[in-house]
Amino acid sequence: MKKYWLAAAGVVAAVAIAAPSAVGAPTETATASTASTASTASTASLATGTAARTEPAKVTPAKAAAPAPKPVRTVRPGRRVDAGGGFTVWLTRDGKHWTGPDGYENFRSVVDGNIDRSQPGVSHQSEGDATGVFHSGLYYGTREAGRVELSDDEGHKTVATLIALPGRPDWGVWYAHTVPVDGNGGSSLGVTLYDRAGKLLAELPGFDFPAGRG
């Protein structure tokens, strides 16, 4: 009997000693397997270059900003303004005056009833040659004028210079220069009037016939 119990005790002891090893073995195996899998995946990624590659961010081109407006210049009645290219512009209480390189004087009235100053509007006169075109006109019907733009069919814009008499009356004059325009003296360009906040006030589409003086 003593031998039997000793033998049984030895078996129990052997089981108890072997148990930690048996319990711990799967943990070590799982850890090694995980490390091995990660190493294999990393090696495969580096080999193929797919995981390590960083795609460049897509850049969306910025929209072109609107042309910056020019401050309205205040001029005294009769004060001659050099408009460039041999052109001179001046204002009187009854309207717009200008001369070109040929010395010929032009006049556009604001009191003869040909324009309606009860609402915003613009007019357009142009003359030029193969070297360029001079554009000018009236803006009227508002004391909040902030910008006048010339634009062609392709969307190219030219910001005009604005002048007005003291006290900011409800009208003034704009002028600008552009490159030569074929066939119609520059009247094909549209004219747009905006207020100081950039709100559209009035627009005048281009014409298809040559522009003369007046």
N, C-alpha and C. Protein backbone atom coordinates (compact mmCIF):
# COMPACT_ATOMS: atom_id res chain seq x y z
N MET A 1 0.83 -1.19 0.00
CA MET A 1 0.00 0.00 0.00
C MET A 1 0.86 1.24 0.00
N LYS A 2 1.89 1.30 0.74
CA LYS A 2 2.76 2.47 0.80
C LYS A 2 3.38 2.74 -0.56
N LYS A 3 3.77 1.67 -1.24
CA LYS A 3 4.35 1.87 -2.56
C LYS A 3 3.32 2.46 -3.54
N TYR A 4 2.07 2.00 -3.40
CA TYR A 4 1.02 2.50 -4.28
C TYR A 4 0.80 3.98 -4.09
N TRP A 5 0.68 4.41 -2.80
CA TRP A 5 0.47 5.84 -2.53
C TRP A 5 1.67 6.67 -2.98
N LEU A 6 2.86 6.14 -2.79
CA LEU A 6 4.04 6.87 -3.25
C LEU A 6 4.03 7.03 -4.77
N ALA A 7 3.63 5.93 -5.44
CA ALA A 7 3.57 6.01 -6.91
C ALA A 7 2.51 7.00 -7.36
N ALA A 8 1.34 6.98 -6.68
CA ALA A 8 0.27 7.92 -7.02
C ALA A 8 0.70 9.36 -6.79
N ALA A 9 1.39 9.58 -5.67
CA ALA A 9 1.87 10.93 -5.34
C ALA A 9 2.86 11.40 -6.40
N GLY A 10 3.69 10.46 -6.88
CA GLY A 10 4.65 10.83 -7.93
C GLY A 10 3.97 11.23 -9.20
N VAL A 11 2.87 10.55 -9.55
CA VAL A 11 2.13 10.91 -10.76
C VAL A 11 1.51 12.28 -10.63
N VAL A 12 0.89 12.54 -9.43
CA VAL A 12 0.28 13.86 -9.19
C VAL A 12 1.31 14.95 -9.28
N ALA A 13 2.48 14.70 -8.68
CA ALA A 13 3.55 15.70 -8.71
C ALA A 13 4.00 15.95 -10.12
N ALA A 14 4.09 14.88 -10.92
CA ALA A 14 4.52 15.04 -12.31
C ALA A 14 3.52 15.87 -13.09
N VAL A 15 2.22 15.65 -12.84
CA VAL A 15 1.19 16.43 -13.50
C VAL A 15 1.27 17.89 -13.10
N ALA A 16 1.47 18.14 -11.78
CA ALA A 16 1.55 19.50 -11.27
C ALA A 16 2.74 20.24 -11.85
N ILE A 17 3.87 19.52 -12.01
CA ILE A 17 5.07 20.17 -12.56
C ILE A 17 4.89 20.46 -14.03
N ALA A 18 4.22 19.52 -14.72
CA ALA A 18 4.08 19.68 -16.17
C ALA A 18 3.03 20.72 -16.53
N ALA A 19 2.07 20.99 -15.62
CA ALA A 19 0.95 21.89 -15.92
C ALA A 19 1.37 23.29 -16.31
N PRO A 20 2.28 23.98 -15.54
CA PRO A 20 2.68 25.33 -15.93
C PRO A 20 3.26 25.38 -17.34
N SER A 21 4.04 24.35 -17.64
CA SER A 21 4.66 24.32 -18.95
C SER A 21 3.62 24.17 -20.04
N ALA A 22 2.62 23.33 -19.76
CA ALA A 22 1.58 23.11 -20.76
C ALA A 22 0.72 24.34 -20.95
N VAL A 23 0.44 25.05 -19.81
CA VAL A 23 -0.38 26.26 -19.88
C VAL A 23 0.37 27.38 -20.58
N GLY A 24 1.65 27.49 -20.26
CA GLY A 24 2.44 28.58 -20.82
C GLY A 24 2.79 28.39 -22.28
N ALA A 25 2.82 27.15 -22.73
CA ALA A 25 3.28 26.88 -24.08
C ALA A 25 2.45 27.56 -25.16
N PRO A 26 1.12 27.48 -25.08
CA PRO A 26 0.34 28.14 -26.14
C PRO A 26 0.56 29.64 -26.21
N THR A 27 0.74 30.30 -25.02
CA THR A 27 0.97 31.75 -24.99
C THR A 27 2.24 32.11 -25.73
N GLU A 28 3.30 31.38 -25.44
CA GLU A 28 4.57 31.65 -26.10
C GLU A 28 4.45 31.40 -27.60
N THR A 29 3.75 30.32 -27.94
CA THR A 29 3.58 29.98 -29.35
C THR A 29 2.78 31.05 -30.10
N ALA A 30 1.68 31.56 -29.44
CA ALA A 30 0.85 32.59 -30.05
C ALA A 30 1.63 33.87 -30.25
N THR A 31 2.44 34.21 -29.24
CA THR A 31 3.25 35.43 -29.34
C THR A 31 4.25 35.32 -30.47
N ALA A 32 4.90 34.22 -30.54
CA ALA A 32 5.87 34.02 -31.60
C ALA A 32 5.20 34.04 -32.96
N SER A 33 3.99 33.44 -33.02
CA SER A 33 3.27 33.40 -34.29
C SER A 33 2.87 34.81 -34.73
N THR A 34 2.40 35.62 -33.72
CA THR A 34 2.01 37.00 -34.05
C THR A 34 3.19 37.80 -34.54
N ALA A 35 4.30 37.68 -33.84
CA ALA A 35 5.50 38.40 -34.24
C ALA A 35 5.94 37.98 -35.62
N SER A 36 5.86 36.64 -35.83
CA SER A 36 6.27 36.13 -37.13
C SER A 36 5.38 36.64 -38.24
N THR A 37 4.04 36.69 -37.96
CA THR A 37 3.09 37.18 -38.96
C THR A 37 3.33 38.64 -39.28
N ALA A 38 3.56 39.46 -38.21
CA ALA A 38 3.82 40.89 -38.41
C ALA A 38 5.08 41.10 -39.21
N SER A 39 6.12 40.28 -38.87
CA SER A 39 7.38 40.42 -39.60
C SER A 39 7.21 40.07 -41.06
N THR A 40 6.42 38.99 -41.29
CA THR A 40 6.19 38.57 -42.67
C THR A 40 5.42 39.63 -43.44
N ALA A 41 4.34 40.20 -42.79
CA ALA A 41 3.54 41.24 -43.45
C ALA A 41 4.36 42.47 -43.75
N SER A 42 5.25 42.84 -42.76
CA SER A 42 6.10 44.01 -42.95
C SER A 42 7.05 43.80 -44.11
N THR A 43 7.64 42.56 -44.14
CA THR A 43 8.56 42.25 -45.23
C THR A 43 7.86 42.29 -46.57
N ALA A 44 6.62 41.72 -46.59
CA ALA A 44 5.86 41.73 -47.84
C ALA A 44 5.51 43.14 -48.27
N SER A 45 5.16 44.02 -47.28
CA SER A 45 4.82 45.39 -47.60
C SER A 45 5.99 46.13 -48.20
N LEU A 46 7.17 45.95 -47.58
CA LEU A 46 8.36 46.62 -48.08
C LEU A 46 8.74 46.10 -49.45
N ALA A 47 8.50 44.79 -49.63
CA ALA A 47 8.85 44.19 -50.91
C ALA A 47 7.98 44.73 -52.03
N THR A 48 6.70 44.86 -51.75
CA THR A 48 5.78 45.34 -52.79
C THR A 48 5.71 46.85 -52.84
N GLY A 49 6.01 47.55 -51.73
CA GLY A 49 5.99 49.01 -51.68
C GLY A 49 4.60 49.60 -51.57
N THR A 50 3.58 48.77 -51.34
CA THR A 50 2.22 49.30 -51.30
C THR A 50 1.90 49.99 -50.00
N ALA A 51 2.29 49.39 -48.87
CA ALA A 51 1.95 49.97 -47.57
C ALA A 51 2.78 51.18 -47.26
N ALA A 52 4.03 51.24 -47.75
CA ALA A 52 4.93 52.33 -47.40
C ALA A 52 4.72 53.56 -48.27
N ARG A 53 4.00 53.42 -49.40
CA ARG A 53 3.83 54.54 -50.32
C ARG A 53 2.80 55.53 -49.79
N THR A 54 3.11 56.82 -49.84
CA THR A 54 2.18 57.87 -49.43
C THR A 54 1.73 58.63 -50.67
N GLU A 55 0.42 58.58 -50.96
CA GLU A 55 -0.11 59.25 -52.13
C GLU A 55 -0.10 60.77 -51.92
N PRO A 56 0.37 61.55 -52.89
CA PRO A 56 0.37 63.02 -52.73
C PRO A 56 -1.05 63.55 -52.67
N ALA A 57 -1.24 64.58 -51.84
CA ALA A 57 -2.57 65.19 -51.71
C ALA A 57 -2.93 65.91 -52.99
N LYS A 58 -4.20 65.79 -53.39
CA LYS A 58 -4.67 66.48 -54.58
C LYS A 58 -4.85 67.96 -54.30
N VAL A 59 -4.32 68.79 -55.16
CA VAL A 59 -4.41 70.23 -54.98
C VAL A 59 -5.42 70.79 -55.98
N THR A 60 -6.44 71.46 -55.48
CA THR A 60 -7.45 72.08 -56.34
C THR A 60 -7.01 73.49 -56.69
N PRO A 61 -6.86 73.80 -57.96
CA PRO A 61 -6.41 75.16 -58.35
C PRO A 61 -7.36 76.22 -57.80
N ALA A 62 -6.78 77.28 -57.24
CA ALA A 62 -7.61 78.36 -56.69
C ALA A 62 -8.23 79.17 -57.83
N LYS A 63 -9.45 79.62 -57.61
CA LYS A 63 -10.12 80.45 -58.60
C LYS A 63 -9.47 81.83 -58.65
N ALA A 64 -9.43 82.38 -59.81
CA ALA A 64 -8.83 83.70 -59.95
C ALA A 64 -9.64 84.73 -59.18
N ALA A 65 -8.91 85.53 -58.46
CA ALA A 65 -9.58 86.55 -57.66
C ALA A 65 -10.11 87.67 -58.54
N ALA A 66 -11.17 88.27 -58.09
CA ALA A 66 -11.74 89.39 -58.84
C ALA A 66 -10.76 90.56 -58.79
N PRO A 67 -10.69 91.35 -59.89
CA PRO A 67 -9.79 92.51 -59.92
C PRO A 67 -10.09 93.47 -58.78
N ALA A 68 -9.04 94.02 -58.20
CA ALA A 68 -9.22 94.94 -57.09
C ALA A 68 -9.78 96.27 -57.59
N PRO A 69 -10.79 96.82 -56.90
CA PRO A 69 -11.36 98.10 -57.33
C PRO A 69 -10.39 99.25 -57.06
N LYS A 70 -10.52 100.33 -57.84
CA LYS A 70 -9.71 101.51 -57.64
C LYS A 70 -10.57 102.56 -56.94
N PRO A 71 -10.01 103.28 -55.97
CA PRO A 71 -10.80 104.32 -55.29
C PRO A 71 -11.31 105.36 -56.27
N VAL A 72 -12.52 105.85 -56.01
CA VAL A 72 -13.07 106.92 -56.85
C VAL A 72 -12.30 108.21 -56.57
N ARG A 73 -11.79 108.81 -57.61
CA ARG A 73 -11.01 110.04 -57.46
C ARG A 73 -11.93 111.24 -57.58
N THR A 74 -11.84 112.16 -56.64
CA THR A 74 -12.64 113.39 -56.68
C THR A 74 -11.86 114.49 -57.37
N VAL A 75 -12.49 115.13 -58.35
CA VAL A 75 -11.84 116.21 -59.11
C VAL A 75 -12.75 117.43 -59.15
N ARG A 76 -12.15 118.58 -59.16
CA ARG A 76 -12.92 119.82 -59.25
C ARG A 76 -13.53 120.00 -60.63
N PRO A 77 -14.63 120.72 -60.75
CA PRO A 77 -15.22 120.97 -62.07
C PRO A 77 -14.20 121.65 -63.00
N GLY A 78 -14.05 121.11 -64.19
CA GLY A 78 -13.13 121.69 -65.17
C GLY A 78 -11.70 121.23 -65.02
N ARG A 79 -11.38 120.48 -63.97
CA ARG A 79 -10.00 120.03 -63.77
C ARG A 79 -9.63 118.97 -64.80
N ARG A 80 -8.58 119.25 -65.59
CA ARG A 80 -8.16 118.33 -66.64
C ARG A 80 -7.41 117.15 -66.02
N VAL A 81 -7.82 115.94 -66.41
CA VAL A 81 -7.21 114.71 -65.90
C VAL A 81 -6.51 114.00 -67.07
N ASP A 82 -5.23 113.74 -66.91
CA ASP A 82 -4.48 113.00 -67.92
C ASP A 82 -4.91 111.53 -67.85
N ALA A 83 -5.61 111.06 -68.89
CA ALA A 83 -6.12 109.69 -68.90
C ALA A 83 -5.16 108.73 -69.60
N GLY A 84 -4.01 109.21 -70.04
CA GLY A 84 -3.03 108.36 -70.69
C GLY A 84 -3.28 108.20 -72.18
N GLY A 85 -2.23 107.89 -72.92
CA GLY A 85 -2.35 107.67 -74.36
C GLY A 85 -2.72 108.90 -75.15
N GLY A 86 -2.47 110.09 -74.59
CA GLY A 86 -2.82 111.32 -75.27
C GLY A 86 -4.26 111.77 -75.04
N PHE A 87 -4.98 111.11 -74.14
CA PHE A 87 -6.37 111.47 -73.85
C PHE A 87 -6.47 112.27 -72.55
N THR A 88 -7.38 113.24 -72.56
CA THR A 88 -7.64 114.08 -71.39
C THR A 88 -9.13 114.07 -71.10
N VAL A 89 -9.48 113.98 -69.82
CA VAL A 89 -10.88 113.92 -69.40
C VAL A 89 -11.13 114.99 -68.35
N TRP A 90 -12.28 115.64 -68.38
CA TRP A 90 -12.67 116.55 -67.31
C TRP A 90 -14.18 116.56 -67.15
N LEU A 91 -14.66 116.98 -66.00
CA LEU A 91 -16.08 116.97 -65.67
C LEU A 91 -16.56 118.39 -65.39
N THR A 92 -17.77 118.66 -65.81
CA THR A 92 -18.46 119.89 -65.42
C THR A 92 -19.82 119.47 -64.86
N ARG A 93 -20.57 120.42 -64.36
CA ARG A 93 -21.85 120.07 -63.75
C ARG A 93 -22.83 119.45 -64.74
N ASP A 94 -22.62 119.73 -66.04
CA ASP A 94 -23.56 119.21 -67.03
C ASP A 94 -23.09 117.95 -67.73
N GLY A 95 -21.88 117.45 -67.40
CA GLY A 95 -21.49 116.18 -68.00
C GLY A 95 -20.00 115.95 -68.15
N LYS A 96 -19.69 115.04 -69.04
CA LYS A 96 -18.33 114.53 -69.28
C LYS A 96 -17.74 115.14 -70.55
N HIS A 97 -16.46 115.56 -70.45
CA HIS A 97 -15.74 116.10 -71.60
C HIS A 97 -14.44 115.32 -71.77
N TRP A 98 -14.00 115.16 -73.01
CA TRP A 98 -12.70 114.53 -73.24
C TRP A 98 -12.17 114.88 -74.61
N THR A 99 -10.84 114.82 -74.73
CA THR A 99 -10.16 115.02 -76.01
C THR A 99 -9.18 113.88 -76.21
N GLY A 100 -8.90 113.60 -77.49
CA GLY A 100 -7.93 112.58 -77.84
C GLY A 100 -6.68 113.17 -78.43
N PRO A 101 -5.77 112.32 -78.92
CA PRO A 101 -4.53 112.82 -79.52
C PRO A 101 -4.75 113.76 -80.69
N ASP A 102 -5.90 113.64 -81.36
CA ASP A 102 -6.17 114.52 -82.49
C ASP A 102 -6.68 115.89 -82.08
N GLY A 103 -6.92 116.07 -80.74
CA GLY A 103 -7.37 117.36 -80.25
C GLY A 103 -8.85 117.59 -80.37
N TYR A 104 -9.56 116.64 -80.95
CA TYR A 104 -11.01 116.80 -81.13
C TYR A 104 -11.72 116.67 -79.79
N GLU A 105 -12.58 117.64 -79.44
CA GLU A 105 -13.25 117.63 -78.13
C GLU A 105 -14.62 116.95 -78.23
N ASN A 106 -14.89 116.09 -77.23
CA ASN A 106 -16.15 115.36 -77.15
C ASN A 106 -16.90 115.74 -75.88
N PHE A 107 -18.22 115.56 -75.91
CA PHE A 107 -19.02 115.89 -74.74
C PHE A 107 -20.17 114.89 -74.61
N ARG A 108 -20.44 114.49 -73.37
CA ARG A 108 -21.57 113.60 -73.08
C ARG A 108 -22.35 114.19 -71.92
N SER A 109 -23.59 114.62 -72.19
CA SER A 109 -24.39 115.33 -71.19
C SER A 109 -25.04 114.36 -70.19
N VAL A 110 -25.22 114.87 -68.96
CA VAL A 110 -25.97 114.12 -67.95
C VAL A 110 -27.27 114.84 -67.60
N VAL A 111 -27.56 115.93 -68.33
CA VAL A 111 -28.74 116.72 -68.00
C VAL A 111 -29.69 116.91 -69.19
N ASP A 112 -29.37 116.28 -70.32
CA ASP A 112 -30.21 116.49 -71.49
C ASP A 112 -31.33 115.46 -71.62
N GLY A 113 -31.48 114.58 -70.64
CA GLY A 113 -32.55 113.60 -70.66
C GLY A 113 -32.23 112.32 -71.40
N ASN A 114 -31.01 112.19 -71.92
CA ASN A 114 -30.65 110.98 -72.65
C ASN A 114 -30.28 109.82 -71.74
N ILE A 115 -30.08 110.06 -70.47
CA ILE A 115 -29.82 108.98 -69.52
C ILE A 115 -30.83 109.09 -68.38
N ASP A 116 -31.17 107.95 -67.81
CA ASP A 116 -32.13 107.90 -66.72
C ASP A 116 -31.37 107.77 -65.40
N ARG A 117 -31.22 108.86 -64.69
CA ARG A 117 -30.45 108.85 -63.45
C ARG A 117 -31.27 108.37 -62.26
N SER A 118 -32.49 107.90 -62.50
CA SER A 118 -33.30 107.38 -61.40
C SER A 118 -32.91 105.94 -61.05
N GLN A 119 -32.09 105.31 -61.89
CA GLN A 119 -31.64 103.95 -61.62
C GLN A 119 -30.21 103.78 -62.13
N PRO A 120 -29.44 102.84 -61.56
CA PRO A 120 -28.04 102.68 -61.96
C PRO A 120 -27.89 102.30 -63.43
N GLY A 121 -26.88 102.87 -64.07
CA GLY A 121 -26.59 102.56 -65.46
C GLY A 121 -25.19 102.99 -65.83
N VAL A 122 -24.74 102.58 -67.02
CA VAL A 122 -23.43 102.96 -67.55
C VAL A 122 -23.56 103.24 -69.04
N SER A 123 -22.67 104.08 -69.55
CA SER A 123 -22.56 104.30 -70.99
C SER A 123 -21.14 103.97 -71.42
N HIS A 124 -20.93 103.88 -72.73
CA HIS A 124 -19.62 103.45 -73.23
C HIS A 124 -19.30 104.14 -74.55
N GLN A 125 -18.18 104.83 -74.59
CA GLN A 125 -17.63 105.38 -75.83
C GLN A 125 -16.21 104.85 -75.97
N SER A 126 -15.77 104.61 -77.20
CA SER A 126 -14.41 104.10 -77.40
C SER A 126 -13.86 104.58 -78.72
N GLU A 127 -12.55 104.70 -78.78
CA GLU A 127 -11.86 105.05 -80.02
C GLU A 127 -10.41 104.61 -79.88
N GLY A 128 -9.84 104.17 -81.00
CA GLY A 128 -8.47 103.69 -80.94
C GLY A 128 -7.95 103.32 -82.30
N ASP A 129 -6.79 102.67 -82.30
CA ASP A 129 -6.15 102.24 -83.54
C ASP A 129 -5.38 100.96 -83.26
N ALA A 130 -4.41 100.67 -84.10
CA ALA A 130 -3.66 99.42 -83.98
C ALA A 130 -2.78 99.38 -82.72
N THR A 131 -2.60 100.53 -82.07
CA THR A 131 -1.76 100.56 -80.87
C THR A 131 -2.56 100.34 -79.59
N GLY A 132 -3.88 100.49 -79.65
CA GLY A 132 -4.70 100.31 -78.45
C GLY A 132 -6.00 101.08 -78.55
N VAL A 133 -6.87 100.85 -77.59
CA VAL A 133 -8.20 101.48 -77.58
C VAL A 133 -8.42 102.20 -76.25
N PHE A 134 -8.95 103.41 -76.34
CA PHE A 134 -9.32 104.17 -75.16
C PHE A 134 -10.83 104.05 -74.96
N HIS A 135 -11.23 103.66 -73.77
CA HIS A 135 -12.64 103.49 -73.43
C HIS A 135 -12.99 104.48 -72.32
N SER A 136 -14.20 105.03 -72.40
CA SER A 136 -14.67 105.91 -71.33
C SER A 136 -16.19 105.92 -71.35
N GLY A 137 -16.77 106.46 -70.31
CA GLY A 137 -18.22 106.52 -70.24
C GLY A 137 -18.69 107.12 -68.94
N LEU A 138 -20.00 107.17 -68.80
CA LEU A 138 -20.64 107.64 -67.57
C LEU A 138 -21.08 106.45 -66.73
N TYR A 139 -21.07 106.61 -65.42
CA TYR A 139 -21.83 105.74 -64.54
C TYR A 139 -22.78 106.66 -63.78
N TYR A 140 -23.98 106.20 -63.50
CA TYR A 140 -24.97 107.12 -62.95
C TYR A 140 -26.07 106.36 -62.20
N GLY A 141 -26.93 107.13 -61.51
CA GLY A 141 -28.05 106.54 -60.78
C GLY A 141 -27.67 105.94 -59.45
N THR A 142 -26.47 106.22 -58.94
CA THR A 142 -26.04 105.68 -57.66
C THR A 142 -24.94 106.55 -57.06
N ARG A 143 -24.92 106.63 -55.74
CA ARG A 143 -23.82 107.29 -55.03
C ARG A 143 -22.90 106.26 -54.38
N GLU A 144 -23.13 104.99 -54.69
CA GLU A 144 -22.35 103.90 -54.09
C GLU A 144 -21.45 103.20 -55.11
N ALA A 145 -21.16 103.84 -56.23
CA ALA A 145 -20.32 103.21 -57.24
C ALA A 145 -18.96 102.83 -56.65
N GLY A 146 -18.53 101.60 -56.93
CA GLY A 146 -17.24 101.15 -56.40
C GLY A 146 -16.30 100.63 -57.45
N ARG A 147 -16.84 100.09 -58.57
CA ARG A 147 -15.97 99.51 -59.59
C ARG A 147 -16.71 99.43 -60.92
N VAL A 148 -15.97 99.72 -61.99
CA VAL A 148 -16.45 99.51 -63.35
C VAL A 148 -15.44 98.60 -64.04
N GLU A 149 -15.96 97.55 -64.70
CA GLU A 149 -15.10 96.59 -65.39
C GLU A 149 -15.48 96.48 -66.86
N LEU A 150 -14.45 96.34 -67.69
CA LEU A 150 -14.62 95.97 -69.10
C LEU A 150 -14.31 94.49 -69.22
N SER A 151 -15.07 93.75 -70.01
CA SER A 151 -14.81 92.32 -70.17
C SER A 151 -15.06 91.91 -71.61
N ASP A 152 -14.23 90.96 -72.10
CA ASP A 152 -14.42 90.46 -73.45
C ASP A 152 -15.11 89.10 -73.41
N ASP A 153 -15.27 88.48 -74.58
CA ASP A 153 -15.98 87.21 -74.66
C ASP A 153 -15.24 86.07 -73.97
N GLU A 154 -13.93 86.22 -73.78
CA GLU A 154 -13.14 85.17 -73.14
C GLU A 154 -13.02 85.37 -71.63
N GLY A 155 -13.68 86.40 -71.11
CA GLY A 155 -13.66 86.62 -69.67
C GLY A 155 -12.52 87.47 -69.16
N HIS A 156 -11.70 88.02 -70.06
CA HIS A 156 -10.62 88.91 -69.61
C HIS A 156 -11.23 90.23 -69.14
N LYS A 157 -10.77 90.71 -68.00
CA LYS A 157 -11.36 91.91 -67.39
C LYS A 157 -10.33 93.02 -67.25
N THR A 158 -10.80 94.24 -67.43
CA THR A 158 -9.99 95.44 -67.22
C THR A 158 -10.74 96.36 -66.28
N VAL A 159 -10.11 96.75 -65.18
CA VAL A 159 -10.74 97.63 -64.20
C VAL A 159 -10.51 99.08 -64.60
N ALA A 160 -11.58 99.84 -64.66
CA ALA A 160 -11.50 101.24 -65.08
C ALA A 160 -11.15 102.16 -63.91
N THR A 161 -10.69 103.35 -64.25
CA THR A 161 -10.49 104.41 -63.26
C THR A 161 -11.77 105.23 -63.17
N LEU A 162 -12.18 105.56 -61.94
CA LEU A 162 -13.42 106.32 -61.72
C LEU A 162 -13.09 107.70 -61.18
N ILE A 163 -13.75 108.73 -61.74
CA ILE A 163 -13.61 110.08 -61.23
C ILE A 163 -15.00 110.68 -61.04
N ALA A 164 -15.12 111.58 -60.08
CA ALA A 164 -16.41 112.21 -59.78
C ALA A 164 -16.18 113.61 -59.24
N LEU A 165 -17.20 114.42 -59.28
CA LEU A 165 -17.14 115.76 -58.73
C LEU A 165 -17.26 115.72 -57.22
N PRO A 166 -16.85 116.77 -56.51
CA PRO A 166 -16.96 116.81 -55.04
C PRO A 166 -18.40 116.57 -54.58
N GLY A 167 -18.54 115.93 -53.44
CA GLY A 167 -19.87 115.65 -52.89
C GLY A 167 -20.44 114.34 -53.36
N ARG A 168 -19.69 113.60 -54.19
CA ARG A 168 -20.15 112.31 -54.70
C ARG A 168 -21.58 112.38 -55.24
N PRO A 169 -21.80 113.13 -56.33
CA PRO A 169 -23.14 113.16 -56.92
C PRO A 169 -23.52 111.78 -57.44
N ASP A 170 -24.73 111.68 -58.01
CA ASP A 170 -25.19 110.36 -58.45
C ASP A 170 -24.67 109.99 -59.84
N TRP A 171 -23.57 110.58 -60.27
CA TRP A 171 -22.95 110.21 -61.54
C TRP A 171 -21.46 110.52 -61.49
N GLY A 172 -20.76 109.93 -62.41
CA GLY A 172 -19.32 110.16 -62.53
C GLY A 172 -18.85 109.62 -63.87
N VAL A 173 -17.54 109.58 -64.05
CA VAL A 173 -16.93 109.14 -65.32
C VAL A 173 -15.95 108.01 -65.04
N TRP A 174 -15.90 107.06 -65.96
CA TRP A 174 -14.90 105.99 -65.89
C TRP A 174 -14.09 106.00 -67.19
N TYR A 175 -12.83 105.52 -67.12
CA TYR A 175 -12.04 105.38 -68.34
C TYR A 175 -11.01 104.26 -68.17
N ALA A 176 -10.60 103.69 -69.29
CA ALA A 176 -9.64 102.58 -69.27
C ALA A 176 -9.02 102.42 -70.66
N HIS A 177 -7.90 101.71 -70.71
CA HIS A 177 -7.24 101.39 -71.97
C HIS A 177 -7.18 99.87 -72.13
N THR A 178 -7.37 99.39 -73.37
CA THR A 178 -7.21 97.97 -73.66
C THR A 178 -6.36 97.79 -74.91
N VAL A 179 -5.99 96.56 -75.17
CA VAL A 179 -5.27 96.25 -76.40
C VAL A 179 -6.20 96.46 -77.59
N PRO A 180 -5.66 96.52 -78.80
CA PRO A 180 -6.52 96.72 -79.97
C PRO A 180 -7.60 95.65 -80.07
N VAL A 181 -8.78 96.06 -80.52
CA VAL A 181 -9.91 95.15 -80.73
C VAL A 181 -10.28 95.22 -82.20
N ASP A 182 -10.30 94.07 -82.85
CA ASP A 182 -10.53 94.04 -84.30
C ASP A 182 -11.97 94.38 -84.69
N GLY A 183 -12.10 95.23 -85.69
CA GLY A 183 -13.35 95.37 -86.39
C GLY A 183 -14.43 96.26 -85.82
N ASN A 184 -14.36 96.64 -84.54
CA ASN A 184 -15.48 97.43 -84.01
C ASN A 184 -15.05 98.51 -83.02
N GLY A 185 -13.81 98.91 -83.07
CA GLY A 185 -13.37 100.03 -82.25
C GLY A 185 -13.44 99.81 -80.76
N GLY A 186 -13.65 98.58 -80.31
CA GLY A 186 -13.68 98.30 -78.88
C GLY A 186 -15.07 98.22 -78.28
N SER A 187 -16.10 98.45 -79.10
CA SER A 187 -17.45 98.45 -78.55
C SER A 187 -17.98 97.05 -78.25
N SER A 188 -17.22 96.01 -78.65
CA SER A 188 -17.65 94.64 -78.37
C SER A 188 -17.43 94.26 -76.91
N LEU A 189 -16.70 95.08 -76.18
CA LEU A 189 -16.45 94.79 -74.77
C LEU A 189 -17.65 95.20 -73.93
N GLY A 190 -18.03 94.33 -73.01
CA GLY A 190 -19.13 94.64 -72.11
C GLY A 190 -18.65 95.50 -70.95
N VAL A 191 -19.55 96.28 -70.38
CA VAL A 191 -19.22 97.17 -69.25
C VAL A 191 -20.15 96.82 -68.09
N THR A 192 -19.55 96.66 -66.90
CA THR A 192 -20.33 96.29 -65.72
C THR A 192 -20.03 97.25 -64.58
N LEU A 193 -21.08 97.68 -63.89
CA LEU A 193 -20.96 98.59 -62.75
C LEU A 193 -21.30 97.85 -61.47
N TYR A 194 -20.41 97.97 -60.46
CA TYR A 194 -20.61 97.36 -59.15
C TYR A 194 -20.62 98.45 -58.07
N ASP A 195 -21.25 98.14 -56.94
CA ASP A 195 -21.18 99.09 -55.84
C ASP A 195 -19.94 98.82 -55.00
N ARG A 196 -19.79 99.52 -53.88
CA ARG A 196 -18.57 99.41 -53.07
C ARG A 196 -18.44 98.05 -52.40
N ALA A 197 -19.57 97.34 -52.23
CA ALA A 197 -19.53 96.02 -51.62
C ALA A 197 -19.38 94.91 -52.66
N GLY A 198 -19.27 95.28 -53.94
CA GLY A 198 -19.12 94.28 -54.99
C GLY A 198 -20.42 93.79 -55.58
N LYS A 199 -21.54 94.42 -55.23
CA LYS A 199 -22.84 94.01 -55.77
C LYS A 199 -23.04 94.58 -57.17
N LEU A 200 -23.55 93.74 -58.08
CA LEU A 200 -23.81 94.17 -59.44
C LEU A 200 -24.93 95.21 -59.46
N LEU A 201 -24.67 96.35 -60.09
CA LEU A 201 -25.67 97.41 -60.20
C LEU A 201 -26.23 97.54 -61.61
N ALA A 202 -25.38 97.43 -62.61
CA ALA A 202 -25.83 97.58 -64.00
C ALA A 202 -24.78 96.99 -64.93
N GLU A 203 -25.23 96.55 -66.09
CA GLU A 203 -24.29 96.05 -67.09
C GLU A 203 -24.76 96.44 -68.49
N LEU A 204 -23.78 96.70 -69.34
CA LEU A 204 -24.04 97.09 -70.70
C LEU A 204 -23.29 96.11 -71.62
N PRO A 205 -24.03 95.30 -72.38
CA PRO A 205 -23.35 94.32 -73.25
C PRO A 205 -22.63 95.00 -74.40
N GLY A 206 -21.66 94.29 -74.98
CA GLY A 206 -20.95 94.83 -76.12
C GLY A 206 -21.81 94.86 -77.37
N PHE A 207 -21.42 95.70 -78.32
CA PHE A 207 -22.14 95.82 -79.58
C PHE A 207 -21.30 95.25 -80.71
N ASP A 208 -21.94 94.95 -81.82
CA ASP A 208 -21.26 94.34 -82.95
C ASP A 208 -20.94 95.32 -84.07
N PHE A 209 -21.18 96.61 -83.84
CA PHE A 209 -20.87 97.58 -84.89
C PHE A 209 -19.80 98.55 -84.38
N PRO A 210 -19.06 99.16 -85.30
CA PRO A 210 -17.98 100.05 -84.88
C PRO A 210 -18.49 101.20 -84.05
N ALA A 211 -17.69 101.56 -83.04
CA ALA A 211 -18.07 102.68 -82.18
C ALA A 211 -17.45 103.97 -82.70
N GLY A 212 -18.22 105.03 -82.67
CA GLY A 212 -17.71 106.32 -83.08
C GLY A 212 -17.59 107.24 -81.88
N ARG A 213 -17.32 108.49 -82.17
CA ARG A 213 -17.23 109.46 -81.08
C ARG A 213 -18.64 109.80 -80.60
N GLY A 214 -18.73 110.23 -79.33
CA GLY A 214 -20.02 110.68 -78.85
C GLY A 214 -20.45 110.01 -77.58
